[in-house]
Amino acid sequence: MKKIYKMENLECASCAAKMEDAISKLEGVNSVSISFISQKLTIDADEELLPKIMKKAVKIISKIEPDCEIIL
């Protein structure tokens, strides 16, 4: 299932790349893309695992860039 989420306060392109790399390693994630310019997270993941994946993604993002948020 492919979903697109808006992000806020993503201020670092390098941080976006780190987030992408970490999220892509989560179980059930087929692909992930974070656009620094459009402030969007696009994720393709197993529908059943998506809620757990997004909880982990929020933690990953806040660890890398504390002020950044995903609008779920």
Protein backbone atom coordinates (compact mmCIF):
# COMPACT_ATOMS: atom_id res chain seq x y z
CA MET A 1 0.00 0.00 0.00
CA LYS A 2 1.39 3.36 -1.02
CA LYS A 3 0.74 6.37 1.24
CA ILE A 4 1.92 9.97 1.21
CA TYR A 5 2.33 11.97 4.42
CA LYS A 6 3.03 15.67 4.86
CA MET A 7 6.02 16.57 6.98
CA GLU A 8 6.72 19.75 8.93
CA ASN A 9 10.01 21.35 10.00
CA LEU A 10 12.24 19.15 7.85
CA GLU A 11 15.23 21.48 7.59
CA CYS A 12 18.08 19.28 6.42
CA ALA A 13 18.39 17.36 3.13
CA SER A 14 21.10 15.17 4.63
CA CYS A 15 18.79 14.33 7.53
CA ALA A 16 16.04 13.38 5.06
CA ALA A 17 18.46 10.92 3.43
CA LYS A 18 19.32 9.42 6.83
CA MET A 19 15.60 9.06 7.63
CA GLU A 20 14.97 7.37 4.28
CA ASP A 21 17.79 4.91 4.86
CA ALA A 22 16.63 3.98 8.38
CA ILE A 23 12.93 3.66 7.46
CA SER A 24 13.74 1.56 4.37
CA LYS A 25 15.29 -1.07 6.66
CA LEU A 26 12.07 -1.60 8.66
CA GLU A 27 10.26 -4.90 8.16
CA GLY A 28 7.43 -4.61 5.66
CA VAL A 29 8.73 -1.49 3.87
CA ASN A 30 8.96 -1.94 0.10
CA SER A 31 10.14 1.58 -0.67
CA VAL A 32 10.36 5.00 0.96
CA SER A 33 11.12 8.47 -0.34
CA ILE A 34 11.41 11.71 1.61
CA SER A 35 11.31 14.95 -0.37
CA PHE A 36 13.10 17.78 1.40
CA ILE A 37 11.70 20.30 -1.12
CA SER A 38 8.02 19.28 -0.92
CA GLN A 39 8.21 18.17 2.73
CA LYS A 40 6.56 14.81 1.93
CA LEU A 41 7.16 11.22 2.95
CA THR A 42 6.05 8.62 0.41
CA ILE A 43 6.03 5.05 1.65
CA ASP A 44 5.05 1.76 0.06
CA ALA A 45 4.60 -0.93 2.69
CA ASP A 46 2.55 -3.95 3.66
CA GLU A 47 -0.90 -2.65 4.59
CA GLU A 48 -1.15 -4.84 7.70
CA LEU A 49 2.19 -3.59 9.05
CA LEU A 50 1.74 0.08 8.12
CA PRO A 51 0.52 1.29 11.55
CA LYS A 52 3.54 -0.29 13.28
CA ILE A 53 5.88 0.98 10.57
CA MET A 54 4.61 4.54 10.94
CA LYS A 55 5.05 4.45 14.74
CA LYS A 56 8.66 3.38 14.22
CA ALA A 57 9.13 5.98 11.46
CA VAL A 58 7.97 8.75 13.80
CA LYS A 59 10.57 7.65 16.37
CA ILE A 60 13.31 7.46 13.74
CA ILE A 61 12.49 10.92 12.42
CA SER A 62 12.36 12.54 15.86
CA LYS A 63 15.71 10.96 16.74
CA ILE A 64 17.39 12.35 13.60
CA GLU A 65 15.65 15.75 13.51
CA PRO A 66 13.77 16.43 16.80
CA ASP A 67 11.60 19.29 15.48
CA CYS A 68 10.44 17.40 12.39
CA GLU A 69 6.95 15.89 12.42
CA ILE A 70 4.88 13.61 10.20
CA ILE A 71 1.28 14.72 9.84
CA LEU A 72 -0.59 11.40 10.12
